[in-house]
Amino acid sequence: MRVVSDTSPLSCLASLDRLDLIERQFRRSVIVPHAVEQELLRHPDPRALERLKSAFAEGTLRVREIESTSLTRILANTLDAGEVQALTLALAEKADWLLIDEKEGRHRSGGN
C-alpha cells in the first residue's frame, strides 16, 4: 500500500501527538514530497516539530522528489506547493491513499 500526504493531516497528528496512527493504520511509512517536508519542518509548535523530525529520522515519513509536469504547472495556479506536489506524487506513485485537507483543497481550487 502506497500512502502520500499533504502537510495538514501530518501537522495535525503531530500537534495531537498521534503520529503513531500512521503506522497503526497503514503499517508502513507515508511518502511526502519535498514541499510538504519543508512545510512540516516549519511547524510553529516545538513539541510537534520534534515529533515530525523524529518521524522523518525513523522512516515513518519519507521524502520523495517529484518531476514537474503539465499538471503541476496547472495546479500551481490554484493550490499551494505542498498540495500540488502531494497530488502529483500520489498520481506518479499510483498511491492507494492520499491524505489531504479536502475542504481546503476544494476552497483553494474554487470548488464548493
C-alpha atoms as a PDB file:
ATOM      1  CA  MET A   1       0.000   0.000   0.000  1.00  0.00           C
ATOM      2  CA  ARG A   2       1.367   3.398  -1.007  1.00  0.00           C
ATOM      3  CA  VAL A   3       0.346   6.421   1.049  1.00  0.00           C
ATOM      4  CA  VAL A   4       1.119  10.049   0.153  1.00  0.00           C
ATOM      5  CA  SER A   5       0.280  13.010   2.363  1.00  0.00           C
ATOM      6  CA  ASP A   6      -0.095  16.737   2.207  1.00  0.00           C
ATOM      7  CA  THR A   7       1.001  18.890   5.141  1.00  0.00           C
ATOM      8  CA  SER A   8      -2.226  19.450   7.084  1.00  0.00           C
ATOM      9  CA  PRO A   9      -3.028  15.875   8.147  1.00  0.00           C
ATOM     10  CA  LEU A  10       0.515  15.240   9.368  1.00  0.00           C
ATOM     11  CA  SER A  11       0.770  18.618  11.047  1.00  0.00           C
ATOM     12  CA  CYS A  12      -2.467  17.982  12.941  1.00  0.00           C
ATOM     13  CA  LEU A  13      -1.398  14.483  14.002  1.00  0.00           C
ATOM     14  CA  ALA A  14       1.941  15.842  15.237  1.00  0.00           C
ATOM     15  CA  SER A  15       0.183  18.582  17.211  1.00  0.00           C
ATOM     16  CA  LEU A  16      -2.035  15.969  18.846  1.00  0.00           C
ATOM     17  CA  ASP A  17       0.934  13.631  19.496  1.00  0.00           C
ATOM     18  CA  ARG A  18      -0.761  10.973  17.350  1.00  0.00           C
ATOM     19  CA  LEU A  19       1.690  10.314  14.526  1.00  0.00           C
ATOM     20  CA  ASP A  20       1.547   6.722  15.772  1.00  0.00           C
ATOM     21  CA  LEU A  21      -1.772   6.424  13.938  1.00  0.00           C
ATOM     22  CA  ILE A  22       0.121   6.412  10.635  1.00  0.00           C
ATOM     23  CA  GLU A  23       1.849   3.117  11.333  1.00  0.00           C
ATOM     24  CA  ARG A  24      -1.226   1.677  13.014  1.00  0.00           C
ATOM     25  CA  GLN A  25      -3.481   2.472  10.078  1.00  0.00           C
ATOM     26  CA  PHE A  26      -1.154   1.921   7.130  1.00  0.00           C
ATOM     27  CA  ARG A  27       1.530  -0.348   8.612  1.00  0.00           C
ATOM     28  CA  ARG A  28       4.163   1.437   6.582  1.00  0.00           C
ATOM     29  CA  SER A  29       5.713   4.838   6.067  1.00  0.00           C
ATOM     30  CA  VAL A  30       3.980   7.750   4.435  1.00  0.00           C
ATOM     31  CA  ILE A  31       5.603   9.392   1.423  1.00  0.00           C
ATOM     32  CA  VAL A  32       5.714  13.176   1.225  1.00  0.00           C
ATOM     33  CA  PRO A  33       7.068  15.495  -1.448  1.00  0.00           C
ATOM     34  CA  HIS A  34       9.847  17.949  -0.692  1.00  0.00           C
ATOM     35  CA  ALA A  35       7.463  20.927  -0.346  1.00  0.00           C
ATOM     36  CA  VAL A  36       5.488  19.090   2.345  1.00  0.00           C
ATOM     37  CA  GLU A  37       8.686  18.208   4.195  1.00  0.00           C
ATOM     38  CA  GLN A  38       9.705  21.873   4.178  1.00  0.00           C
ATOM     39  CA  GLU A  39       6.268  22.989   5.409  1.00  0.00           C
ATOM     40  CA  LEU A  40       6.294  20.401   8.196  1.00  0.00           C
ATOM     41  CA  LEU A  41       9.771  21.431   9.331  1.00  0.00           C
ATOM     42  CA  ARG A  42       8.444  24.961   9.886  1.00  0.00           C
ATOM     43  CA  HIS A  43       5.806  23.745  12.357  1.00  0.00           C
ATOM     44  CA  PRO A  44       5.283  26.502  14.962  1.00  0.00           C
ATOM     45  CA  ASP A  45       4.846  24.119  17.933  1.00  0.00           C
ATOM     46  CA  PRO A  46       8.286  22.989  19.177  1.00  0.00           C
ATOM     47  CA  ARG A  47       6.933  19.667  20.511  1.00  0.00           C
ATOM     48  CA  ALA A  48       5.124  18.862  17.285  1.00  0.00           C
ATOM     49  CA  LEU A  49       8.236  19.850  15.316  1.00  0.00           C
ATOM     50  CA  GLU A  50      10.338  17.381  17.316  1.00  0.00           C
ATOM     51  CA  ARG A  51       7.767  14.651  16.686  1.00  0.00           C
ATOM     52  CA  LEU A  52       7.911  15.353  12.961  1.00  0.00           C
ATOM     53  CA  LYS A  53      11.713  15.362  12.916  1.00  0.00           C
ATOM     54  CA  SER A  54      11.677  12.007  14.717  1.00  0.00           C
ATOM     55  CA  ALA A  55       9.170  10.608  12.220  1.00  0.00           C
ATOM     56  CA  PHE A  56      11.500  11.576   9.358  1.00  0.00           C
ATOM     57  CA  ALA A  57      14.545  10.172  11.158  1.00  0.00           C
ATOM     58  CA  GLU A  58      12.757   6.890  11.970  1.00  0.00           C
ATOM     59  CA  GLY A  59      11.410   6.499   8.445  1.00  0.00           C
ATOM     60  CA  THR A  60       7.735   6.871   9.348  1.00  0.00           C
ATOM     61  CA  LEU A  61       7.775   9.810   6.929  1.00  0.00           C
ATOM     62  CA  ARG A  62       9.862   9.543   3.755  1.00  0.00           C
ATOM     63  CA  VAL A  63      10.585  12.265   1.232  1.00  0.00           C
ATOM     64  CA  ARG A  64      10.307  11.594  -2.475  1.00  0.00           C
ATOM     65  CA  GLU A  65      11.214  14.091  -5.171  1.00  0.00           C
ATOM     66  CA  ILE A  66       8.785  14.715  -7.989  1.00  0.00           C
ATOM     67  CA  GLU A  67       9.268  15.901 -11.526  1.00  0.00           C
ATOM     68  CA  SER A  68       7.405  18.942 -12.727  1.00  0.00           C
ATOM     69  CA  THR A  69       4.613  18.064 -15.124  1.00  0.00           C
ATOM     70  CA  SER A  70       1.962  19.964 -17.009  1.00  0.00           C
ATOM     71  CA  LEU A  71      -0.436  19.020 -14.198  1.00  0.00           C
ATOM     72  CA  THR A  72       1.962  20.505 -11.646  1.00  0.00           C
ATOM     73  CA  ARG A  73       2.088  23.773 -13.554  1.00  0.00           C
ATOM     74  CA  ILE A  74      -1.704  23.932 -13.986  1.00  0.00           C
ATOM     75  CA  LEU A  75      -2.442  23.197 -10.326  1.00  0.00           C
ATOM     76  CA  ALA A  76       0.161  25.720  -9.161  1.00  0.00           C
ATOM     77  CA  ASN A  77      -2.242  28.486 -10.153  1.00  0.00           C
ATOM     78  CA  THR A  78      -4.850  27.442  -7.583  1.00  0.00           C
ATOM     79  CA  LEU A  79      -3.182  25.332  -4.866  1.00  0.00           C
ATOM     80  CA  ASP A  80      -0.144  25.779  -2.650  1.00  0.00           C
ATOM     81  CA  ALA A  81       3.134  23.977  -3.397  1.00  0.00           C
ATOM     82  CA  GLY A  82       2.564  21.199  -0.850  1.00  0.00           C
ATOM     83  CA  GLU A  83      -0.875  20.340  -2.214  1.00  0.00           C
ATOM     84  CA  VAL A  84       0.339  20.431  -5.819  1.00  0.00           C
ATOM     85  CA  GLN A  85       3.308  18.206  -5.109  1.00  0.00           C
ATOM     86  CA  ALA A  86       1.265  15.789  -2.966  1.00  0.00           C
ATOM     87  CA  LEU A  87      -1.323  15.363  -5.728  1.00  0.00           C
ATOM     88  CA  THR A  88       1.366  14.955  -8.386  1.00  0.00           C
ATOM     89  CA  LEU A  89       3.304  12.476  -6.255  1.00  0.00           C
ATOM     90  CA  ALA A  90       0.173  10.452  -5.484  1.00  0.00           C
ATOM     91  CA  LEU A  91      -0.514  10.100  -9.196  1.00  0.00           C
ATOM     92  CA  ALA A  92       3.120   9.274 -10.030  1.00  0.00           C
ATOM     93  CA  GLU A  93       3.355   6.679  -7.235  1.00  0.00           C
ATOM     94  CA  LYS A  94      -0.096   5.265  -8.020  1.00  0.00           C
ATOM     95  CA  ALA A  95      -0.848   5.800  -4.342  1.00  0.00           C
ATOM     96  CA  ASP A  96      -3.610   3.844  -2.668  1.00  0.00           C
ATOM     97  CA  TRP A  97      -4.238   6.735  -0.284  1.00  0.00           C
ATOM     98  CA  LEU A  98      -3.752  10.496  -0.449  1.00  0.00           C
ATOM     99  CA  LEU A  99      -4.048  12.305   2.878  1.00  0.00           C
ATOM    100  CA  ILE A 100      -5.164  15.859   2.199  1.00  0.00           C
ATOM    101  CA  ASP A 101      -7.369  18.515   3.735  1.00  0.00           C
ATOM    102  CA  GLU A 102     -10.099  18.062   1.141  1.00  0.00           C
ATOM    103  CA  LYS A 103     -12.211  21.042   2.190  1.00  0.00           C
ATOM    104  CA  GLU A 104      -9.223  23.366   1.980  1.00  0.00           C
ATOM    105  CA  GLY A 105      -8.247  21.929  -1.387  1.00  0.00           C
ATOM    106  CA  ARG A 106     -11.741  22.484  -2.751  1.00  0.00           C
ATOM    107  CA  HIS A 107     -11.814  26.022  -1.349  1.00  0.00           C
ATOM    108  CA  ARG A 108      -8.494  26.964  -2.935  1.00  0.00           C
ATOM    109  CA  SER A 109      -9.419  25.466  -6.270  1.00  0.00           C
ATOM    110  CA  GLY A 110     -12.698  27.389  -6.420  1.00  0.00           C
ATOM    111  CA  GLY A 111     -14.961  24.417  -5.668  1.00  0.00           C
ATOM    112  CA  ASN A 112     -17.687  24.224  -3.027  1.00  0.00           C
END
